[in-house]
Structure formats: structure tokens, C-alpha cells
C-alpha atoms as a PDB file:
ATOM      1  CA  UNK A   1      -4.824 -17.658   5.933  1.00  0.00           C
ATOM      2  CA  UNK A   2      -1.633 -15.780   5.102  1.00  0.00           C
ATOM      3  CA  UNK A   3      -1.696 -12.070   4.357  1.00  0.00           C
ATOM      4  CA  UNK A   4       0.848 -10.267   2.191  1.00  0.00           C
ATOM      5  CA  UNK A   5       1.966  -6.701   1.707  1.00  0.00           C
ATOM      6  CA  UNK A   6       2.515  -5.701  -1.924  1.00  0.00           C
ATOM      7  CA  UNK A   7       5.550  -3.754  -3.110  1.00  0.00           C
ATOM      8  CA  UNK A   8       6.783  -2.530  -6.472  1.00  0.00           C
ATOM      9  CA  UNK A   9      10.440  -2.468  -7.344  1.00  0.00           C
ATOM     10  CA  UNK A  10      12.371  -0.576  -9.952  1.00  0.00           C
ATOM     11  CA  UNK A  11      15.927  -0.272 -11.181  1.00  0.00           C
ATOM     12  CA  UNK A  12      18.137   2.643 -12.053  1.00  0.00           C
ATOM     13  CA  UNK A  13      21.700   3.128 -13.234  1.00  0.00           C
ATOM     14  CA  UNK A  14      24.420   3.858 -10.715  1.00  0.00           C
ATOM     15  CA  UNK A  15      26.016   7.087 -11.889  1.00  0.00           C
ATOM     16  CA  UNK A  16      29.438   6.464 -10.390  1.00  0.00           C
ATOM     17  CA  UNK A  17      29.616   2.689 -10.420  1.00  0.00           C
ATOM     18  CA  UNK A  18      32.896   0.859 -10.004  1.00  0.00           C
ATOM     19  CA  UNK A  19      34.388  -0.495 -13.222  1.00  0.00           C
ATOM     20  CA  UNK A  20      34.392  -4.255 -12.735  1.00  0.00           C
ATOM     21  CA  UNK A  21      36.009  -6.753 -15.076  1.00  0.00           C
ATOM     22  CA  UNK A  22      33.561  -7.601 -17.869  1.00  0.00           C
ATOM     23  CA  UNK A  23      33.679 -11.338 -17.157  1.00  0.00           C
ATOM     24  CA  UNK A  24      32.403 -10.674 -13.626  1.00  0.00           C
ATOM     25  CA  UNK A  25      29.363  -8.628 -14.551  1.00  0.00           C
ATOM     26  CA  UNK A  26      28.282  -9.982 -17.979  1.00  0.00           C
ATOM     27  CA  UNK A  27      28.120  -6.478 -19.454  1.00  0.00           C
ATOM     28  CA  UNK A  28      29.657  -5.774 -22.821  1.00  0.00           C
ATOM     29  CA  UNK A  29      31.764  -2.646 -23.258  1.00  0.00           C
ATOM     30  CA  UNK A  30      29.412   0.346 -23.518  1.00  0.00           C
ATOM     31  CA  UNK A  31      26.246  -1.730 -22.998  1.00  0.00           C
ATOM     32  CA  UNK A  32      23.359  -0.058 -21.161  1.00  0.00           C
ATOM     33  CA  UNK A  33      22.691  -2.282 -18.117  1.00  0.00           C
ATOM     34  CA  UNK A  34      19.089  -1.041 -17.957  1.00  0.00           C
ATOM     35  CA  UNK A  35      18.328  -3.070 -21.090  1.00  0.00           C
ATOM     36  CA  UNK A  36      19.051  -6.296 -19.178  1.00  0.00           C
ATOM     37  CA  UNK A  37      18.031  -5.234 -15.650  1.00  0.00           C
ATOM     38  CA  UNK A  38      15.506  -8.009 -15.045  1.00  0.00           C
ATOM     39  CA  UNK A  39      17.834 -10.647 -16.460  1.00  0.00           C
ATOM     40  CA  UNK A  40      20.570  -9.550 -14.041  1.00  0.00           C
ATOM     41  CA  UNK A  41      18.082  -9.488 -11.163  1.00  0.00           C
ATOM     42  CA  UNK A  42      16.891 -13.003 -11.997  1.00  0.00           C
ATOM     43  CA  UNK A  43      20.489 -14.256 -11.721  1.00  0.00           C
ATOM     44  CA  UNK A  44      20.314 -13.522  -7.994  1.00  0.00           C
ATOM     45  CA  UNK A  45      17.716 -16.249  -7.523  1.00  0.00           C
ATOM     46  CA  UNK A  46      19.621 -18.704  -9.698  1.00  0.00           C
ATOM     47  CA  UNK A  47      22.612 -18.567  -7.320  1.00  0.00           C
ATOM     48  CA  UNK A  48      20.993 -17.942  -3.907  1.00  0.00           C
ATOM     49  CA  UNK A  49      19.554 -21.298  -2.818  1.00  0.00           C
ATOM     50  CA  UNK A  50      20.611 -22.020   0.755  1.00  0.00           C
ATOM     51  CA  UNK A  51      22.983 -19.070   0.960  1.00  0.00           C
ATOM     52  CA  UNK A  52      23.226 -16.818   3.981  1.00  0.00           C
ATOM     53  CA  UNK A  53      23.088 -13.056   3.553  1.00  0.00           C
ATOM     54  CA  UNK A  54      24.146 -10.667   6.282  1.00  0.00           C
ATOM     55  CA  UNK A  55      22.104  -7.592   7.098  1.00  0.00           C
ATOM     56  CA  UNK A  56      23.095  -5.528  10.138  1.00  0.00           C
ATOM     57  CA  UNK A  57      25.027  -8.388  11.791  1.00  0.00           C
ATOM     58  CA  UNK A  58      22.209 -10.914  11.299  1.00  0.00           C
ATOM     59  CA  UNK A  59      22.455 -13.799   8.873  1.00  0.00           C
ATOM     60  CA  UNK A  60      19.341 -14.567   6.858  1.00  0.00           C
ATOM     61  CA  UNK A  61      19.065 -17.763   4.839  1.00  0.00           C
ATOM     62  CA  UNK A  62      17.049 -18.032   1.648  1.00  0.00           C
ATOM     63  CA  UNK A  63      15.215 -21.204   0.637  1.00  0.00           C
ATOM     64  CA  UNK A  64      13.915 -21.078  -2.946  1.00  0.00           C
ATOM     65  CA  UNK A  65      10.614 -22.951  -3.220  1.00  0.00           C
ATOM     66  CA  UNK A  66       9.879 -22.150  -6.881  1.00  0.00           C
ATOM     67  CA  UNK A  67      11.769 -20.377  -9.660  1.00  0.00           C
ATOM     68  CA  UNK A  68       9.844 -20.576 -12.936  1.00  0.00           C
ATOM     69  CA  UNK A  69       9.077 -18.120 -15.700  1.00  0.00           C
ATOM     70  CA  UNK A  70      10.597 -15.185 -13.794  1.00  0.00           C
ATOM     71  CA  UNK A  71       8.320 -15.780 -10.799  1.00  0.00           C
ATOM     72  CA  UNK A  72      10.189 -16.771  -7.650  1.00  0.00           C
ATOM     73  CA  UNK A  73       8.767 -17.959  -4.346  1.00  0.00           C
ATOM     74  CA  UNK A  74      11.180 -18.235  -1.457  1.00  0.00           C
ATOM     75  CA  UNK A  75      11.439 -18.217   2.307  1.00  0.00           C
ATOM     76  CA  UNK A  76      13.714 -15.899   4.242  1.00  0.00           C
ATOM     77  CA  UNK A  77      14.456 -16.678   7.856  1.00  0.00           C
ATOM     78  CA  UNK A  78      15.119 -14.553  10.889  1.00  0.00           C
ATOM     79  CA  UNK A  79      17.207 -15.629  13.852  1.00  0.00           C
ATOM     80  CA  UNK A  80      15.474 -14.965  17.145  1.00  0.00           C
ATOM     81  CA  UNK A  81      16.029 -15.974  20.736  1.00  0.00           C
ATOM     82  CA  UNK A  82      13.056 -17.343  22.587  1.00  0.00           C
ATOM     83  CA  UNK A  83      12.690 -18.006  26.287  1.00  0.00           C
ATOM     84  CA  UNK A  84      11.487 -21.445  27.255  1.00  0.00           C
ATOM     85  CA  UNK A  85      10.638 -22.655  30.702  1.00  0.00           C
ATOM     86  CA  UNK A  86      10.972 -26.205  31.920  1.00  0.00           C
ATOM     87  CA  UNK A  87      10.775 -27.365  35.547  1.00  0.00           C
ATOM     88  CA  UNK A  88      10.489 -23.732  36.622  1.00  0.00           C
ATOM     89  CA  UNK A  89      13.765 -22.810  34.940  1.00  0.00           C
ATOM     90  CA  UNK A  90      13.990 -20.449  32.051  1.00  0.00           C
ATOM     91  CA  UNK A  91      16.517 -20.800  29.265  1.00  0.00           C
ATOM     92  CA  UNK A  92      17.135 -19.225  25.889  1.00  0.00           C
ATOM     93  CA  UNK A  93      16.819 -21.149  22.641  1.00  0.00           C
ATOM     94  CA  UNK A  94      17.436 -20.022  19.098  1.00  0.00           C
ATOM     95  CA  UNK A  95      14.566 -20.033  16.659  1.00  0.00           C
ATOM     96  CA  UNK A  96      14.678 -19.350  12.916  1.00  0.00           C
ATOM     97  CA  UNK A  97      11.114 -18.587  11.799  1.00  0.00           C
ATOM     98  CA  UNK A  98      10.615 -17.612   8.181  1.00  0.00           C
ATOM     99  CA  UNK A  99       8.193 -15.803   5.945  1.00  0.00           C
ATOM    100  CA  UNK A 100       7.267 -16.330   2.309  1.00  0.00           C
ATOM    101  CA  UNK A 101       8.301 -13.842  -0.360  1.00  0.00           C
ATOM    102  CA  UNK A 102       6.944 -13.879  -3.904  1.00  0.00           C
ATOM    103  CA  UNK A 103       8.861 -11.981  -6.592  1.00  0.00           C
ATOM    104  CA  UNK A 104       7.154 -11.425  -9.938  1.00  0.00           C
ATOM    105  CA  UNK A 105      10.033 -10.461 -12.204  1.00  0.00           C
ATOM    106  CA  UNK A 106       8.078 -10.785 -15.442  1.00  0.00           C
ATOM    107  CA  UNK A 107       8.496  -7.987 -17.961  1.00  0.00           C
ATOM    108  CA  UNK A 108       6.862  -4.741 -16.826  1.00  0.00           C
ATOM    109  CA  UNK A 109       5.407  -6.231 -13.598  1.00  0.00           C
ATOM    110  CA  UNK A 110       8.179  -6.052 -10.991  1.00  0.00           C
ATOM    111  CA  UNK A 111       6.187  -6.852  -7.839  1.00  0.00           C
ATOM    112  CA  UNK A 112       7.158  -8.331  -4.497  1.00  0.00           C
ATOM    113  CA  UNK A 113       4.685  -9.789  -2.014  1.00  0.00           C
ATOM    114  CA  UNK A 114       5.926 -10.293   1.544  1.00  0.00           C
ATOM    115  CA  UNK A 115       4.058 -12.442   4.032  1.00  0.00           C
ATOM    116  CA  UNK A 116       3.017 -10.723   7.238  1.00  0.00           C
ATOM    117  CA  UNK A 117       3.682 -13.189  10.064  1.00  0.00           C
ATOM    118  CA  UNK A 118       5.547 -13.609  13.365  1.00  0.00           C
ATOM    119  CA  UNK A 119       8.982 -14.180  11.769  1.00  0.00           C
ATOM    120  CA  UNK A 120       9.603 -10.433  11.415  1.00  0.00           C
ATOM    121  CA  UNK A 121       8.084  -7.406  13.126  1.00  0.00           C
ATOM    122  CA  UNK A 122       6.360  -6.407   9.880  1.00  0.00           C
ATOM    123  CA  UNK A 123       6.839  -6.821   6.110  1.00  0.00           C
ATOM    124  CA  UNK A 124       8.731  -3.509   5.852  1.00  0.00           C
ATOM    125  CA  UNK A 125      11.568  -5.067   7.874  1.00  0.00           C
ATOM    126  CA  UNK A 126      11.839  -7.827   5.265  1.00  0.00           C
ATOM    127  CA  UNK A 127      11.638  -5.245   2.476  1.00  0.00           C
ATOM    128  CA  UNK A 128      14.625  -3.387   3.926  1.00  0.00           C
ATOM    129  CA  UNK A 129      16.641  -6.583   4.305  1.00  0.00           C
ATOM    130  CA  UNK A 130      15.871  -7.629   0.730  1.00  0.00           C
ATOM    131  CA  UNK A 131      16.617  -4.171  -0.628  1.00  0.00           C
ATOM    132  CA  UNK A 132      20.054  -4.301   0.994  1.00  0.00           C
ATOM    133  CA  UNK A 133      20.772  -7.812  -0.318  1.00  0.00           C
ATOM    134  CA  UNK A 134      19.464  -7.065  -3.816  1.00  0.00           C
ATOM    135  CA  UNK A 135      21.432  -3.814  -4.041  1.00  0.00           C
ATOM    136  CA  UNK A 136      24.688  -5.625  -3.328  1.00  0.00           C
ATOM    137  CA  UNK A 137      23.901  -8.055  -6.157  1.00  0.00           C
ATOM    138  CA  UNK A 138      22.791  -5.410  -8.683  1.00  0.00           C
ATOM    139  CA  UNK A 139      25.790  -3.144  -7.974  1.00  0.00           C
ATOM    140  CA  UNK A 140      28.037  -5.476  -9.974  1.00  0.00           C
ATOM    141  CA  UNK A 141      25.837  -4.699 -12.998  1.00  0.00           C
ATOM    142  CA  UNK A 142      26.050  -0.920 -12.418  1.00  0.00           C
ATOM    143  CA  UNK A 143      22.413  -0.858 -11.267  1.00  0.00           C
ATOM    144  CA  UNK A 144      20.545  -0.140  -8.069  1.00  0.00           C
ATOM    145  CA  UNK A 145      17.141  -1.392  -7.005  1.00  0.00           C
ATOM    146  CA  UNK A 146      14.527   0.319  -4.904  1.00  0.00           C
ATOM    147  CA  UNK A 147      11.473  -1.303  -3.336  1.00  0.00           C
ATOM    148  CA  UNK A 148       8.409   0.705  -2.363  1.00  0.00           C
ATOM    149  CA  UNK A 149       5.010  -0.167  -1.002  1.00  0.00           C
ATOM    150  CA  UNK A 150       2.387  -0.314  -3.730  1.00  0.00           C
ATOM    151  CA  UNK A 151      -0.116   2.487  -3.447  1.00  0.00           C
ATOM    152  CA  UNK A 152      -3.737   1.555  -3.173  1.00  0.00           C
ATOM    153  CA  UNK A 153      -5.773   3.514  -5.770  1.00  0.00           C
ATOM    154  CA  UNK A 154      -8.505   3.982  -3.156  1.00  0.00           C
ATOM    155  CA  UNK A 155      -6.043   5.987  -1.016  1.00  0.00           C
ATOM    156  CA  UNK A 156      -5.560   8.405  -3.920  1.00  0.00           C
ATOM    157  CA  UNK A 157      -9.296   8.898  -4.443  1.00  0.00           C
ATOM    158  CA  UNK A 158      -9.910   9.257  -0.701  1.00  0.00           C
ATOM    159  CA  UNK A 159      -7.419  12.119  -0.716  1.00  0.00           C
ATOM    160  CA  UNK A 160      -9.137  13.728  -3.719  1.00  0.00           C
ATOM    161  CA  UNK A 161     -12.513  13.515  -1.943  1.00  0.00           C
ATOM    162  CA  UNK A 162     -11.083  15.400   1.064  1.00  0.00           C
ATOM    163  CA  UNK A 163     -10.860  18.511  -1.139  1.00  0.00           C
ATOM    164  CA  UNK A 164     -14.406  19.128  -2.469  1.00  0.00           C
ATOM    165  CA  UNK A 165     -13.411  22.522  -3.929  1.00  0.00           C
ATOM    166  CA  UNK A 166     -10.977  20.779  -6.242  1.00  0.00           C
ATOM    167  CA  UNK A 167      -7.266  20.194  -6.639  1.00  0.00           C
ATOM    168  CA  UNK A 168      -5.276  22.465  -8.934  1.00  0.00           C
ATOM    169  CA  UNK A 169      -2.189  20.329  -9.406  1.00  0.00           C
ATOM    170  CA  UNK A 170      -0.957  16.815  -8.765  1.00  0.00           C
ATOM    171  CA  UNK A 171       2.719  16.072  -9.137  1.00  0.00           C
ATOM    172  CA  UNK A 172       3.994  12.529  -9.624  1.00  0.00           C
ATOM    173  CA  UNK A 173       7.736  12.085  -9.143  1.00  0.00           C
ATOM    174  CA  UNK A 174       9.429   9.032 -10.616  1.00  0.00           C
ATOM    175  CA  UNK A 175      12.992   8.293  -9.546  1.00  0.00           C
ATOM    176  CA  UNK A 176      14.089   7.155 -13.015  1.00  0.00           C
END
């Protein structure tokens, strides 16, 4: 059975974004891109089937399995070299294992689930690759995207229980 790590993602405006021609980025003069952030993000999946994206000199291909109602399921591959042995001789072969990624881009949800399997060292590696790819896409709409691991509520309460004399202040910092 597959296991997944859950992430939340959020958008913010790029303060000093390049001024791109309006026909390239679908923004009207003076329009706040934050009002259409999820629409612009969804466009990525509409144009990405079978494309290769480079992250730190490695090409990763995306295979969209489902794209319905702002929920997208896709595979992202990872090029690896494996050593095979035949007749007592070792040789290198290329392998392109993949993992499943689920993006829930419905209004006010903004979640990403990344499969934990042998294709990548761990889901955080995939998160960093996707963050890089998504940021390049969102930049043309004067937006950035950040992806962070979802916090388990139990972790919060475990921390509270470590301080039986009480906690005087809790500060939550939101980037936007």
C-alpha cells in the first residue's frame, strides 16, 4: 500500500516582478494576480502533459493521469543509474522510476500529497523539485508559490503537554 506525505501550498505576490506583455500572462492592467492565483496555477497542468522540466541538471517528465475539477493526479519521474550484473559482468543502465503526486487545487484547500517510494530519496526531494518548477510557471503571473509540510495537530498538542506549568504565548507567522 502506498504512503503519502501531505503538504500545503500557498501563493504570494512577487514584489519586484518583471513586467511581461499582457498577452503572455493573462493579467489585465492593474489586476491583482492573487485574485486568480489558483486559476493560473491550474494552467500549469493543462500544458504540462509529457513535458520535461529541468531541476539541477536533471530532467523530470510529468505524466498527467487525471485532471478534473481542480484535482490533478500525475507521475513525476527521476532518472537514475542502476548497476546490473550478467555473466559476472556489471554494467550501468538508466532507470526512470516515478512517484504519484496528487494536487488538490480546489478553492481554499491547496494540498499536495507526494508518494513515498523508491523513485526519490524522500517526498521532500519531490517537493523541492515541484516548488522550483511551479515557481517558474507562477512567476509569469507575478506570483510565487511555497510548499510546506502539513503540520499534524497532535504534534502541537504534544508540545503543549511538555509544558505542564503552561505556555504564556504562541506566535503563528503566516508568510502572506
